[in-house]
Amino acid sequence: MIGAATGFLAAVVVGAVAGCAMAAEEAAVPVGDAEAWPNGRWNEKLGAPYEAWKPAQEALRELAARGGAADVAFEAETKAVFMVPLAADLTLREALEAAAATCGLKAAWKSGRLTVAKAARPGNWIELVGGKAEPIQVGEARGTLVLPRRRDGDGPLPWVWHAPNGLDPSHSWLVGRLLREGVAVAVVNVGESQGNPAGRATFTAFYETLTNRHGLAKRAVLLPQSRGGLMHYNWAAEHPECVAAIGGIYTVCDLRSYPGMDRAAAAYGMSKDELEAVLTQHNPIDRLATLVKAGVEVFHVHGDKDGTVPVERNAGELVRRYKALGGKAELLVVPGKGHEVLPEFFRCRELADFLTSRAKAGAHSR
């Protein structure tokens, strides 16, 4: 289930945007009877980015060993998966402290031993990957704008708009790549709208707020993940002039496939029969013509073992129809993978390059 994937993340990943109130360096301040770190290799640089995607305790042990600590005392256990990349210019100590902080832990030297304990609050993964998060309120909907530390020139800021609803450490590699290229990232929570008109109206208000008040480019690159496809494609079909490109991760493209007509009808405030009668007005795979006409390019990455959002009925069918209409679309199929939080999807270099290049192009187009 898509909801199950979200619940899995909540169980194993600590430090989502809403909880990121403290920078990683703050989490490294020793407390209680913590002692000074010993001399050794702790001040040496990582030398290369650390981009492990593994159980957090395994990553912490690996970083500790590189610093010269053969033994780590875990006062707090965690099932978190470490997903946040560490920059090459961090020292080994900074890297270890940051890795612990983003998993809700705190690394310190105590009683002659490297000790990992529970932190008061999780570290801020957005700051660690080079961003600054600003809250954006649109009516009752809460959003976030993640700004890069640098920007190219004084023109409109290129941006990527993620859906649905929130960012978490699984997005850290991709967000970091975009920020380093001067591309902002935004997201707004419209709940389980399934792409309904109310959610689309909130998307319009969010878009207008970002472009009119925050200097973002008039053409955004959309990043629909899973059920975010219902939200983004329905909005994009009605606002093609606002879209530079669409790049998706195992994206839902057909309401009949997910969440199914009964649940979709409830989200739309209709009966199943009523929604069926007007389905072509609300179903992404039936609303592609305006996007093709506007020259919006599409790229999707999807696993061929996805039992929740089958690729053939969703991204596969959308790309087939898009090309049949004369549009430019590509589907990257990941063999053997399903609806999972995996590096094959969230550290996909082809997707990252697509998002970056199209966002920059969109910022300079009229």
Protein backbone atom coordinates (compact mmCIF):
# COMPACT_ATOMS: atom_id res chain seq x y z
CA MET A 1 0.00 0.00 0.00
CA ILE A 2 1.13 3.55 -0.60
CA GLY A 3 0.12 4.41 2.92
CA ALA A 4 2.19 1.47 4.13
CA ALA A 5 5.25 2.85 2.40
CA THR A 6 4.69 6.17 4.15
CA GLY A 7 4.25 4.42 7.48
CA PHE A 8 7.45 2.45 6.92
CA LEU A 9 9.36 5.67 6.43
CA ALA A 10 7.90 7.15 9.57
CA ALA A 11 9.02 4.09 11.51
CA VAL A 12 12.58 3.92 10.26
CA VAL A 13 13.52 7.48 9.38
CA VAL A 14 13.77 10.24 11.93
CA GLY A 15 14.05 13.92 11.13
CA ALA A 16 11.30 14.89 8.67
CA VAL A 17 10.89 18.55 7.78
CA ALA A 18 8.29 19.21 10.44
CA GLY A 19 10.61 17.97 13.17
CA CYS A 20 13.79 19.61 11.98
CA ALA A 21 14.18 22.35 14.55
CA MET A 22 17.87 22.00 15.35
CA ALA A 23 20.92 22.12 13.11
CA ALA A 24 23.28 19.14 13.00
CA GLU A 25 26.08 21.12 14.59
CA GLU A 26 23.86 21.96 17.57
CA ALA A 27 23.23 18.28 18.17
CA ALA A 28 26.97 17.74 18.51
CA VAL A 29 27.39 19.90 21.64
CA PRO A 30 28.52 17.62 24.53
CA VAL A 31 26.21 17.46 27.52
CA GLY A 32 26.33 15.95 31.00
CA ASP A 33 29.55 14.09 31.74
CA ALA A 34 30.67 14.02 28.08
CA GLU A 35 34.43 14.33 27.75
CA ALA A 36 36.66 15.92 25.14
CA TRP A 37 37.29 13.81 22.09
CA PRO A 38 40.74 12.19 22.09
CA ASN A 39 43.46 13.02 19.62
CA GLY A 40 43.69 10.88 16.55
CA ARG A 41 42.15 10.89 13.13
CA TRP A 42 38.96 12.74 14.10
CA ASN A 43 40.08 15.99 12.46
CA GLU A 44 40.89 14.35 9.15
CA LYS A 45 38.49 15.09 6.30
CA LEU A 46 36.19 12.50 4.83
CA GLY A 47 37.87 13.22 1.49
CA ALA A 48 34.92 11.91 -0.52
CA PRO A 49 31.15 12.18 0.01
CA TYR A 50 29.77 9.53 2.32
CA GLU A 51 26.59 8.28 0.67
CA ALA A 52 25.76 5.10 2.54
CA TRP A 53 22.20 3.79 2.45
CA LYS A 54 22.29 1.28 5.28
CA PRO A 55 21.11 0.72 8.87
CA ALA A 56 22.10 3.72 10.95
CA GLN A 57 24.05 1.75 13.55
CA GLU A 58 26.09 0.10 10.82
CA ALA A 59 26.91 3.49 9.28
CA LEU A 60 27.88 4.93 12.67
CA ARG A 61 30.18 1.98 13.42
CA GLU A 62 31.81 2.40 10.02
CA LEU A 63 32.45 6.12 10.55
CA ALA A 64 33.69 5.48 14.09
CA ALA A 65 36.18 2.90 12.84
CA ARG A 66 37.54 5.39 10.32
CA GLY A 67 38.13 7.79 13.20
CA GLY A 68 39.97 5.15 15.22
CA ALA A 69 37.24 3.98 17.60
CA ALA A 70 37.01 0.21 17.41
CA ASP A 71 34.10 0.04 19.85
CA VAL A 72 30.90 2.06 20.06
CA ALA A 73 28.58 1.94 23.06
CA PHE A 74 24.97 2.34 21.96
CA GLU A 75 22.91 3.61 24.88
CA ALA A 76 19.96 4.00 22.50
CA GLU A 77 19.04 1.54 19.79
CA THR A 78 17.60 2.65 16.47
CA LYS A 79 16.07 0.93 13.47
CA ALA A 80 16.58 4.03 11.36
CA VAL A 81 18.11 3.79 7.91
CA PHE A 82 20.88 6.30 7.34
CA MET A 83 20.10 8.14 4.10
CA VAL A 84 21.60 11.62 4.45
CA PRO A 85 24.78 12.14 2.38
CA LEU A 86 27.76 13.75 4.11
CA ALA A 87 29.97 16.27 2.34
CA ALA A 88 33.59 15.42 1.59
CA ASP A 89 34.94 18.45 3.52
CA LEU A 90 33.49 17.33 6.88
CA THR A 91 35.94 16.01 9.43
CA LEU A 92 35.42 12.45 10.64
CA ARG A 93 34.14 13.78 13.93
CA GLU A 94 31.72 16.19 12.22
CA ALA A 95 30.54 13.39 9.94
CA LEU A 96 29.90 11.03 12.83
CA GLU A 97 28.08 13.68 14.85
CA ALA A 98 25.96 14.70 11.87
CA ALA A 99 25.12 11.10 10.97
CA ALA A 100 23.99 10.45 14.52
CA ALA A 101 22.03 13.70 14.76
CA THR A 102 20.00 13.10 11.62
CA CYS A 103 18.92 9.74 13.07
CA GLY A 104 17.78 11.28 16.34
CA LEU A 105 20.98 10.31 18.17
CA LYS A 106 23.99 12.10 19.70
CA ALA A 107 27.58 10.90 19.46
CA ALA A 108 29.95 11.94 22.27
CA TRP A 109 33.05 10.71 24.07
CA LYS A 110 32.04 9.57 27.55
CA SER A 111 33.86 7.59 30.21
CA GLY A 112 36.73 6.93 27.81
CA ARG A 113 34.46 5.49 25.19
CA LEU A 114 32.60 6.64 22.09
CA THR A 115 28.95 6.62 23.10
CA VAL A 116 25.80 7.07 21.07
CA ALA A 117 22.71 8.14 23.01
CA LYS A 118 19.28 9.49 22.21
CA ALA A 119 19.32 13.17 21.23
CA ALA A 120 16.91 15.69 22.68
CA ARG A 121 15.80 16.54 19.13
CA PRO A 122 16.78 15.26 15.67
CA GLY A 123 19.31 17.09 13.55
CA ASN A 124 18.30 19.17 10.57
CA TRP A 125 19.03 17.14 7.44
CA ILE A 126 17.97 20.03 5.18
CA GLU A 127 20.72 22.26 6.57
CA LEU A 128 23.19 19.41 6.33
CA VAL A 129 22.61 19.08 2.57
CA GLY A 130 22.90 22.82 2.02
CA GLY A 131 19.39 24.21 2.28
CA LYS A 132 17.31 26.60 4.31
CA ALA A 133 13.66 25.70 4.93
CA GLU A 134 11.03 28.43 5.04
CA PRO A 135 7.42 27.69 6.08
CA ILE A 136 4.76 28.69 3.55
CA GLN A 137 1.16 28.94 4.70
CA VAL A 138 -1.60 28.87 2.09
CA GLY A 139 -5.00 29.08 3.72
CA GLU A 140 -5.11 26.07 6.04
CA ALA A 141 -2.44 24.20 4.07
CA ARG A 142 1.15 24.16 5.28
CA GLY A 143 4.02 24.10 2.85
CA THR A 144 7.80 24.34 2.85
CA LEU A 145 10.19 26.14 0.52
CA VAL A 146 13.77 24.88 0.65
CA LEU A 147 16.17 27.50 -0.67
CA PRO A 148 19.74 26.92 -1.88
CA ARG A 149 22.61 28.79 -0.29
CA ARG A 150 23.57 30.30 -3.61
CA ARG A 151 21.70 31.39 -6.70
CA ASP A 152 22.82 32.15 -10.22
CA GLY A 153 22.17 35.79 -11.11
CA ASP A 154 19.22 37.95 -10.18
CA GLY A 155 16.59 36.28 -12.34
CA PRO A 156 13.78 33.96 -11.30
CA LEU A 157 14.86 31.05 -9.12
CA PRO A 158 14.51 27.61 -10.74
CA TRP A 159 12.55 25.14 -8.64
CA VAL A 160 11.28 21.61 -8.30
CA TRP A 161 7.88 20.99 -6.74
CA HIS A 162 7.44 17.68 -4.92
CA ALA A 163 4.14 15.97 -4.15
CA PRO A 164 2.59 14.58 -2.03
CA ASN A 165 2.64 16.44 1.22
CA GLY A 166 6.18 16.33 2.68
CA LEU A 167 9.91 15.73 2.44
CA ASP A 168 11.96 13.40 4.63
CA PRO A 169 15.56 12.11 4.73
CA SER A 170 14.89 9.67 1.89
CA HIS A 171 14.86 12.76 -0.35
CA SER A 172 18.11 14.16 1.07
CA TRP A 173 20.41 13.04 -1.74
CA LEU A 174 18.12 14.36 -4.45
CA VAL A 175 17.37 17.61 -2.60
CA GLY A 176 21.09 18.12 -1.96
CA ARG A 177 21.90 17.67 -5.65
CA LEU A 178 19.28 20.24 -6.63
CA LEU A 179 20.37 22.76 -4.00
CA ARG A 180 24.01 22.57 -5.08
CA GLU A 181 22.87 23.47 -8.59
CA GLY A 182 20.99 26.50 -7.29
CA VAL A 183 17.54 24.88 -7.61
CA ALA A 184 14.93 25.38 -4.88
CA VAL A 185 12.55 22.63 -3.73
CA ALA A 186 8.97 23.15 -2.55
CA VAL A 187 6.12 21.05 -1.16
CA VAL A 188 2.63 21.70 0.23
CA ASN A 189 0.36 19.39 2.21
CA VAL A 190 -3.11 18.98 0.67
CA GLY A 191 -3.90 15.78 2.54
CA GLU A 192 -5.31 12.73 0.79
CA SER A 193 -6.91 14.76 -1.98
CA GLN A 194 -6.33 12.14 -4.71
CA GLY A 195 -6.01 15.10 -7.09
CA ASN A 196 -9.48 16.49 -6.42
CA PRO A 197 -10.50 20.08 -7.32
CA ALA A 198 -10.03 21.35 -3.77
CA GLY A 199 -6.45 20.11 -3.70
CA ARG A 200 -5.84 21.60 -7.14
CA ALA A 201 -7.12 24.98 -5.92
CA THR A 202 -4.66 24.88 -3.03
CA PHE A 203 -1.88 24.00 -5.49
CA THR A 204 -2.77 27.12 -7.51
CA ALA A 205 -2.64 29.34 -4.43
CA PHE A 206 0.69 27.78 -3.44
CA TYR A 207 2.12 28.32 -6.92
CA GLU A 208 1.00 31.95 -6.97
CA THR A 209 2.48 32.58 -3.53
CA LEU A 210 5.87 31.17 -4.51
CA THR A 211 6.10 32.87 -7.89
CA ASN A 212 4.68 36.26 -6.87
CA ARG A 213 6.18 36.65 -3.39
CA HIS A 214 9.31 34.49 -3.33
CA GLY A 215 10.84 35.06 -6.75
CA LEU A 216 10.46 31.52 -8.08
CA ALA A 217 10.32 30.94 -11.82
CA LYS A 218 6.94 30.92 -13.54
CA ARG A 219 7.58 27.43 -14.88
CA ALA A 220 8.20 24.73 -12.27
CA VAL A 221 9.43 21.18 -12.67
CA LEU A 222 6.99 18.82 -10.98
CA LEU A 223 8.23 15.81 -8.99
CA PRO A 224 5.22 13.57 -8.32
CA GLN A 225 5.99 10.59 -6.12
CA SER A 226 3.44 7.79 -5.84
CA ARG A 227 -0.06 9.24 -5.29
CA GLY A 228 1.43 12.69 -5.86
CA GLY A 229 0.93 11.91 -9.54
CA LEU A 230 -2.84 12.29 -9.15
CA MET A 231 -2.30 15.71 -7.61
CA HIS A 232 0.36 17.05 -9.94
CA TYR A 233 -0.90 15.75 -13.26
CA ASN A 234 -4.43 17.00 -12.63
CA TRP A 235 -3.13 20.45 -11.70
CA ALA A 236 -0.66 20.51 -14.58
CA ALA A 237 -3.34 19.61 -17.13
CA GLU A 238 -5.14 22.82 -16.15
CA HIS A 239 -1.99 24.96 -15.92
CA PRO A 240 0.40 23.69 -18.61
CA GLU A 241 1.96 27.13 -19.05
CA CYS A 242 3.23 26.87 -15.45
CA VAL A 243 5.06 23.58 -15.97
CA ALA A 244 8.55 23.14 -17.42
CA ALA A 245 8.69 19.34 -17.09
CA ILE A 246 7.47 16.43 -14.99
CA GLY A 247 9.75 13.80 -13.44
CA GLY A 248 8.11 11.10 -11.34
CA ILE A 249 8.96 8.28 -8.93
CA TYR A 250 6.61 5.26 -9.16
CA THR A 251 3.84 7.68 -9.96
CA VAL A 252 0.10 6.98 -9.79
CA CYS A 253 -1.42 7.98 -13.13
CA ASP A 254 -4.84 6.30 -13.09
CA LEU A 255 -7.45 6.67 -10.33
CA ARG A 256 -8.84 3.25 -11.24
CA SER A 257 -5.48 1.66 -10.43
CA TYR A 258 -4.98 3.56 -7.16
CA PRO A 259 -6.72 4.32 -4.86
CA GLY A 260 -9.59 2.63 -6.74
CA MET A 261 -12.90 4.19 -7.64
CA ASP A 262 -14.59 3.75 -4.25
CA ARG A 263 -11.91 5.64 -2.32
CA ALA A 264 -11.41 8.15 -5.11
CA ALA A 265 -15.12 8.94 -5.19
CA ALA A 266 -15.08 9.68 -1.46
CA ALA A 267 -12.18 12.12 -1.91
CA TYR A 268 -14.07 13.83 -4.73
CA GLY A 269 -17.31 14.04 -2.77
CA MET A 270 -19.15 11.96 -5.33
CA SER A 271 -20.65 8.55 -5.66
CA LYS A 272 -18.70 5.99 -7.63
CA ASP A 273 -21.13 6.27 -10.55
CA GLU A 274 -20.93 10.06 -10.51
CA LEU A 275 -17.14 10.01 -10.66
CA GLU A 276 -17.17 7.38 -13.39
CA ALA A 277 -19.36 9.67 -15.50
CA VAL A 278 -16.80 12.51 -15.38
CA LEU A 279 -13.62 10.47 -14.94
CA THR A 280 -11.87 11.86 -18.00
CA GLN A 281 -11.99 15.30 -16.32
CA HIS A 282 -10.03 14.03 -13.31
CA ASN A 283 -7.85 11.12 -14.43
CA PRO A 284 -4.23 11.91 -15.36
CA ILE A 285 -3.90 9.45 -18.24
CA ASP A 286 -6.96 11.06 -19.89
CA ARG A 287 -5.70 14.65 -19.50
CA LEU A 288 -2.39 14.74 -21.37
CA ALA A 289 -3.20 16.73 -24.50
CA THR A 290 -2.66 20.19 -23.00
CA LEU A 291 0.74 19.15 -21.63
CA VAL A 292 1.84 17.73 -24.96
CA LYS A 293 0.72 20.91 -26.73
CA ALA A 294 2.73 23.01 -24.25
CA GLY A 295 5.88 20.94 -24.93
CA VAL A 296 6.13 19.60 -21.37
CA GLU A 297 8.70 16.79 -21.25
CA VAL A 298 8.07 13.76 -19.03
CA PHE A 299 10.45 11.32 -17.32
CA HIS A 300 9.41 8.52 -14.97
CA VAL A 301 11.30 5.91 -12.95
CA HIS A 302 9.27 2.90 -11.83
CA GLY A 303 9.92 -0.67 -10.65
CA ASP A 304 8.65 -3.63 -12.64
CA LYS A 305 7.61 -5.48 -9.45
CA ASP A 306 5.40 -2.72 -8.07
CA GLY A 307 2.27 -4.45 -6.79
CA THR A 308 0.77 -1.29 -5.32
CA VAL A 309 1.08 0.96 -8.36
CA PRO A 310 1.68 -1.40 -11.30
CA VAL A 311 3.95 0.21 -13.84
CA GLU A 312 1.98 -1.02 -16.87
CA ARG A 313 -1.26 0.66 -15.72
CA ASN A 314 0.39 3.87 -14.57
CA ALA A 315 3.70 5.28 -15.81
CA GLY A 316 3.84 2.76 -18.63
CA GLU A 317 0.37 3.65 -19.92
CA LEU A 318 0.94 7.38 -19.46
CA VAL A 319 4.20 7.33 -21.41
CA ARG A 320 2.60 5.26 -24.18
CA ARG A 321 -0.31 7.70 -24.52
CA TYR A 322 1.98 10.73 -24.25
CA LYS A 323 4.13 9.54 -27.14
CA ALA A 324 1.04 8.67 -29.17
CA LEU A 325 -0.05 12.30 -28.83
CA GLY A 326 3.35 13.45 -30.08
CA GLY A 327 4.86 14.31 -26.70
CA LYS A 328 8.35 13.61 -25.44
CA ALA A 329 8.36 11.04 -22.62
CA GLU A 330 10.74 8.46 -21.18
CA LEU A 331 10.26 5.60 -18.72
CA LEU A 332 13.18 4.11 -16.79
CA VAL A 333 12.14 0.70 -15.48
CA VAL A 334 14.02 -0.63 -12.44
CA PRO A 335 14.10 -4.44 -12.61
CA GLY A 336 13.10 -6.44 -9.55
CA LYS A 337 11.97 -3.46 -7.46
CA GLY A 338 8.55 -2.55 -6.13
CA HIS A 339 6.91 0.33 -4.29
CA GLU A 340 9.87 0.72 -1.94
CA VAL A 341 12.11 3.37 -0.44
CA LEU A 342 15.34 2.42 -2.19
CA PRO A 343 18.39 4.18 -3.65
CA GLU A 344 17.39 2.99 -7.12
CA PHE A 345 14.55 5.51 -6.96
CA PHE A 346 15.74 8.20 -4.55
CA ARG A 347 19.34 8.37 -5.77
CA CYS A 348 18.53 8.01 -9.45
CA ARG A 349 21.11 10.10 -11.31
CA GLU A 350 19.08 10.14 -14.51
CA LEU A 351 16.14 11.64 -12.62
CA ALA A 352 18.36 14.14 -10.80
CA ASP A 353 19.93 15.31 -14.07
CA PHE A 354 16.52 15.60 -15.71
CA LEU A 355 15.08 17.68 -12.87
CA THR A 356 18.10 19.97 -12.69
CA SER A 357 18.42 20.69 -16.39
CA ARG A 358 14.69 21.24 -16.96
CA ALA A 359 14.34 23.48 -13.89
CA LYS A 360 17.16 25.72 -15.11
CA ALA A 361 15.74 25.79 -18.62
CA GLY A 362 12.28 26.59 -17.24
CA ALA A 363 13.62 29.55 -15.26
CA HIS A 364 14.99 31.11 -18.46
CA SER A 365 12.03 30.39 -20.73
CA ARG A 366 9.15 32.75 -21.40
